[in-house]
């Protein structure tokens, strides 16, 4: 191969790399734009507000902690009717707690928005975008 061909080949490789870098930069810019739009969306803002309200509601947080504690107790100790009755009572209390219900509804709305986003991306690229691969490296 002549020096001219080497230079030409190197220039083509450099242009190819530059185009690839441009595409990567465009993808990253589009991602940042998407994340900014998501962060400014009413759905996300409602979730953040509802989640903050939940974190600041001592009664609601105590209910959630007690429910989780009872679930763990049930998992460790096996089925126990008294613990199951307590879990059902706590579920009723949580379903009557406005702060918890507001947070759960806002979370469901955000998940729905993200699922629609995933579906749109998946349709565009022709495969499941956010499919679970089961984790792990091997």
C-alpha atoms as a PDB file:
ATOM      1  CA  UNK A   1       0.000   0.000   0.000  1.00  0.00           C
ATOM      2  CA  UNK A   2       1.362   3.447  -0.904  1.00  0.00           C
ATOM      3  CA  UNK A   3       1.734   6.329   1.515  1.00  0.00           C
ATOM      4  CA  UNK A   4      -1.094   8.120  -0.306  1.00  0.00           C
ATOM      5  CA  UNK A   5      -3.362   5.125   0.252  1.00  0.00           C
ATOM      6  CA  UNK A   6      -2.337   4.991   3.913  1.00  0.00           C
ATOM      7  CA  UNK A   7      -3.155   8.679   4.366  1.00  0.00           C
ATOM      8  CA  UNK A   8      -6.464   8.267   2.526  1.00  0.00           C
ATOM      9  CA  UNK A   9      -7.347   5.227   4.649  1.00  0.00           C
ATOM     10  CA  UNK A  10      -6.423   7.059   7.844  1.00  0.00           C
ATOM     11  CA  UNK A  11      -8.522  10.034   6.768  1.00  0.00           C
ATOM     12  CA  UNK A  12     -11.496   7.729   6.111  1.00  0.00           C
ATOM     13  CA  UNK A  13     -10.995   6.082   9.506  1.00  0.00           C
ATOM     14  CA  UNK A  14     -10.816   9.510  11.106  1.00  0.00           C
ATOM     15  CA  UNK A  15     -14.024  10.636   9.366  1.00  0.00           C
ATOM     16  CA  UNK A  16     -15.707   7.370  10.364  1.00  0.00           C
ATOM     17  CA  UNK A  17     -14.655   7.885  13.949  1.00  0.00           C
ATOM     18  CA  UNK A  18     -15.735  11.519  13.821  1.00  0.00           C
ATOM     19  CA  UNK A  19     -19.167  10.543  12.495  1.00  0.00           C
ATOM     20  CA  UNK A  20     -19.468   7.874  15.176  1.00  0.00           C
ATOM     21  CA  UNK A  21     -18.465  10.401  17.835  1.00  0.00           C
ATOM     22  CA  UNK A  22     -21.017  12.863  16.408  1.00  0.00           C
ATOM     23  CA  UNK A  23     -23.747  10.237  16.643  1.00  0.00           C
ATOM     24  CA  UNK A  24     -22.760   9.426  20.228  1.00  0.00           C
ATOM     25  CA  UNK A  25     -22.747  13.125  21.109  1.00  0.00           C
ATOM     26  CA  UNK A  26     -26.170  13.552  19.478  1.00  0.00           C
ATOM     27  CA  UNK A  27     -27.562  10.596  21.422  1.00  0.00           C
ATOM     28  CA  UNK A  28     -26.189  11.995  24.677  1.00  0.00           C
ATOM     29  CA  UNK A  29     -27.610  15.447  23.897  1.00  0.00           C
ATOM     30  CA  UNK A  30     -31.010  13.944  23.063  1.00  0.00           C
ATOM     31  CA  UNK A  31     -30.910  11.942  26.291  1.00  0.00           C
ATOM     32  CA  UNK A  32     -30.155  15.062  28.327  1.00  0.00           C
ATOM     33  CA  UNK A  33     -33.021  16.859  26.553  1.00  0.00           C
ATOM     34  CA  UNK A  34     -35.357  13.936  27.288  1.00  0.00           C
ATOM     35  CA  UNK A  35     -34.323  13.863  30.955  1.00  0.00           C
ATOM     36  CA  UNK A  36     -34.877  17.616  31.238  1.00  0.00           C
ATOM     37  CA  UNK A  37     -38.333  17.262  29.664  1.00  0.00           C
ATOM     38  CA  UNK A  38     -39.168  14.343  31.949  1.00  0.00           C
ATOM     39  CA  UNK A  39     -38.040  16.313  34.998  1.00  0.00           C
ATOM     40  CA  UNK A  40     -40.254  19.218  33.975  1.00  0.00           C
ATOM     41  CA  UNK A  41     -43.279  17.031  33.190  1.00  0.00           C
ATOM     42  CA  UNK A  42     -46.375  17.395  35.328  1.00  0.00           C
ATOM     43  CA  UNK A  43     -46.409  13.633  35.946  1.00  0.00           C
ATOM     44  CA  UNK A  44     -42.874  13.642  37.355  1.00  0.00           C
ATOM     45  CA  UNK A  45     -43.461  16.814  39.374  1.00  0.00           C
ATOM     46  CA  UNK A  46     -46.603  15.290  40.922  1.00  0.00           C
ATOM     47  CA  UNK A  47     -44.631  12.177  41.831  1.00  0.00           C
ATOM     48  CA  UNK A  48     -41.858  14.216  43.483  1.00  0.00           C
ATOM     49  CA  UNK A  49     -44.384  16.283  45.442  1.00  0.00           C
ATOM     50  CA  UNK A  50     -46.348  13.203  46.541  1.00  0.00           C
ATOM     51  CA  UNK A  51     -43.165  11.369  47.523  1.00  0.00           C
ATOM     52  CA  UNK A  52     -41.907  14.345  49.531  1.00  0.00           C
ATOM     53  CA  UNK A  53     -45.290  14.617  51.239  1.00  0.00           C
ATOM     54  CA  UNK A  54     -45.088  10.932  52.131  1.00  0.00           C
ATOM     55  CA  UNK A  55     -41.561  11.274  53.511  1.00  0.00           C
ATOM     56  CA  UNK A  56     -42.763  14.195  55.665  1.00  0.00           C
ATOM     57  CA  UNK A  57     -45.896  12.402  56.956  1.00  0.00           C
ATOM     58  CA  UNK A  58     -44.799  10.653  60.146  1.00  0.00           C
ATOM     59  CA  UNK A  59     -48.053   8.683  60.486  1.00  0.00           C
ATOM     60  CA  UNK A  60     -47.932   7.395  56.920  1.00  0.00           C
ATOM     61  CA  UNK A  61     -44.265   6.449  57.234  1.00  0.00           C
ATOM     62  CA  UNK A  62     -44.950   4.634  60.510  1.00  0.00           C
ATOM     63  CA  UNK A  63     -47.729   2.658  58.796  1.00  0.00           C
ATOM     64  CA  UNK A  64     -45.417   1.681  55.946  1.00  0.00           C
ATOM     65  CA  UNK A  65     -42.606   0.672  58.305  1.00  0.00           C
ATOM     66  CA  UNK A  66     -44.959  -1.418  60.427  1.00  0.00           C
ATOM     67  CA  UNK A  67     -46.377  -3.089  57.318  1.00  0.00           C
ATOM     68  CA  UNK A  68     -42.880  -3.955  56.094  1.00  0.00           C
ATOM     69  CA  UNK A  69     -41.937  -5.242  59.546  1.00  0.00           C
ATOM     70  CA  UNK A  70     -44.988  -7.518  59.614  1.00  0.00           C
ATOM     71  CA  UNK A  71     -44.248  -8.763  56.095  1.00  0.00           C
ATOM     72  CA  UNK A  72     -40.710  -9.673  57.147  1.00  0.00           C
ATOM     73  CA  UNK A  73     -42.041 -11.332  60.280  1.00  0.00           C
ATOM     74  CA  UNK A  74     -44.379 -13.420  58.133  1.00  0.00           C
ATOM     75  CA  UNK A  75     -41.564 -14.376  55.746  1.00  0.00           C
ATOM     76  CA  UNK A  76     -39.219 -15.417  58.546  1.00  0.00           C
ATOM     77  CA  UNK A  77     -41.766 -17.213  60.699  1.00  0.00           C
ATOM     78  CA  UNK A  78     -44.031 -18.760  58.100  1.00  0.00           C
ATOM     79  CA  UNK A  79     -47.784 -18.380  57.995  1.00  0.00           C
ATOM     80  CA  UNK A  80     -49.289 -17.020  61.182  1.00  0.00           C
ATOM     81  CA  UNK A  81     -52.973 -16.069  61.304  1.00  0.00           C
ATOM     82  CA  UNK A  82     -52.479 -13.287  63.837  1.00  0.00           C
ATOM     83  CA  UNK A  83     -49.717 -11.680  61.766  1.00  0.00           C
ATOM     84  CA  UNK A  84     -51.849 -12.090  58.634  1.00  0.00           C
ATOM     85  CA  UNK A  85     -54.743 -10.351  60.411  1.00  0.00           C
ATOM     86  CA  UNK A  86     -52.417  -7.519  61.415  1.00  0.00           C
ATOM     87  CA  UNK A  87     -51.187  -7.218  57.810  1.00  0.00           C
ATOM     88  CA  UNK A  88     -54.769  -6.986  56.545  1.00  0.00           C
ATOM     89  CA  UNK A  89     -55.550  -4.310  59.133  1.00  0.00           C
ATOM     90  CA  UNK A  90     -52.447  -2.354  58.128  1.00  0.00           C
ATOM     91  CA  UNK A  91     -53.431  -2.667  54.442  1.00  0.00           C
ATOM     92  CA  UNK A  92     -56.825  -1.198  55.275  1.00  0.00           C
ATOM     93  CA  UNK A  93     -55.217   1.664  57.172  1.00  0.00           C
ATOM     94  CA  UNK A  94     -52.804   2.321  54.288  1.00  0.00           C
ATOM     95  CA  UNK A  95     -55.647   2.302  51.752  1.00  0.00           C
ATOM     96  CA  UNK A  96     -57.417   4.892  53.908  1.00  0.00           C
ATOM     97  CA  UNK A  97     -54.333   7.083  54.237  1.00  0.00           C
ATOM     98  CA  UNK A  98     -54.571   9.939  51.734  1.00  0.00           C
ATOM     99  CA  UNK A  99     -50.810  10.610  51.651  1.00  0.00           C
ATOM    100  CA  UNK A 100     -49.973   6.995  50.858  1.00  0.00           C
ATOM    101  CA  UNK A 101     -52.703   6.763  48.228  1.00  0.00           C
ATOM    102  CA  UNK A 102     -51.572   9.996  46.575  1.00  0.00           C
ATOM    103  CA  UNK A 103     -47.970   8.768  46.413  1.00  0.00           C
ATOM    104  CA  UNK A 104     -48.977   5.367  45.038  1.00  0.00           C
ATOM    105  CA  UNK A 105     -51.202   6.965  42.377  1.00  0.00           C
ATOM    106  CA  UNK A 106     -48.439   9.398  41.364  1.00  0.00           C
ATOM    107  CA  UNK A 107     -45.947   6.524  41.203  1.00  0.00           C
ATOM    108  CA  UNK A 108     -48.321   4.489  39.012  1.00  0.00           C
ATOM    109  CA  UNK A 109     -48.750   7.482  36.679  1.00  0.00           C
ATOM    110  CA  UNK A 110     -44.971   7.927  36.403  1.00  0.00           C
ATOM    111  CA  UNK A 111     -44.461   4.222  35.708  1.00  0.00           C
ATOM    112  CA  UNK A 112     -47.116   4.403  32.997  1.00  0.00           C
ATOM    113  CA  UNK A 113     -45.374   7.396  31.395  1.00  0.00           C
ATOM    114  CA  UNK A 114     -42.019   5.597  31.469  1.00  0.00           C
ATOM    115  CA  UNK A 115     -43.601   2.452  30.014  1.00  0.00           C
ATOM    116  CA  UNK A 116     -45.091   4.469  27.139  1.00  0.00           C
ATOM    117  CA  UNK A 117     -41.648   6.011  26.607  1.00  0.00           C
ATOM    118  CA  UNK A 118     -40.066   2.562  26.559  1.00  0.00           C
ATOM    119  CA  UNK A 119     -42.711   1.337  24.090  1.00  0.00           C
ATOM    120  CA  UNK A 120     -42.051   4.283  21.762  1.00  0.00           C
ATOM    121  CA  UNK A 121     -38.287   3.715  21.819  1.00  0.00           C
ATOM    122  CA  UNK A 122     -38.781  -0.035  21.345  1.00  0.00           C
ATOM    123  CA  UNK A 123     -41.021   0.574  18.318  1.00  0.00           C
ATOM    124  CA  UNK A 124     -38.413   2.895  16.800  1.00  0.00           C
ATOM    125  CA  UNK A 125     -35.466   0.551  17.234  1.00  0.00           C
ATOM    126  CA  UNK A 126     -37.375  -2.628  16.478  1.00  0.00           C
ATOM    127  CA  UNK A 127     -36.617  -4.450  19.733  1.00  0.00           C
ATOM    128  CA  UNK A 128     -37.458  -4.236  23.420  1.00  0.00           C
ATOM    129  CA  UNK A 129     -35.467  -1.256  24.696  1.00  0.00           C
ATOM    130  CA  UNK A 130     -35.614  -1.838  28.457  1.00  0.00           C
ATOM    131  CA  UNK A 131     -35.908  -5.588  28.564  1.00  0.00           C
ATOM    132  CA  UNK A 132     -34.679  -7.329  31.639  1.00  0.00           C
ATOM    133  CA  UNK A 133     -31.609  -9.420  30.963  1.00  0.00           C
ATOM    134  CA  UNK A 134     -31.649 -11.028  34.367  1.00  0.00           C
ATOM    135  CA  UNK A 135     -28.689  -9.026  35.604  1.00  0.00           C
ATOM    136  CA  UNK A 136     -25.195 -10.263  36.131  1.00  0.00           C
ATOM    137  CA  UNK A 137     -22.274 -10.212  33.801  1.00  0.00           C
ATOM    138  CA  UNK A 138     -22.048 -13.830  32.731  1.00  0.00           C
END
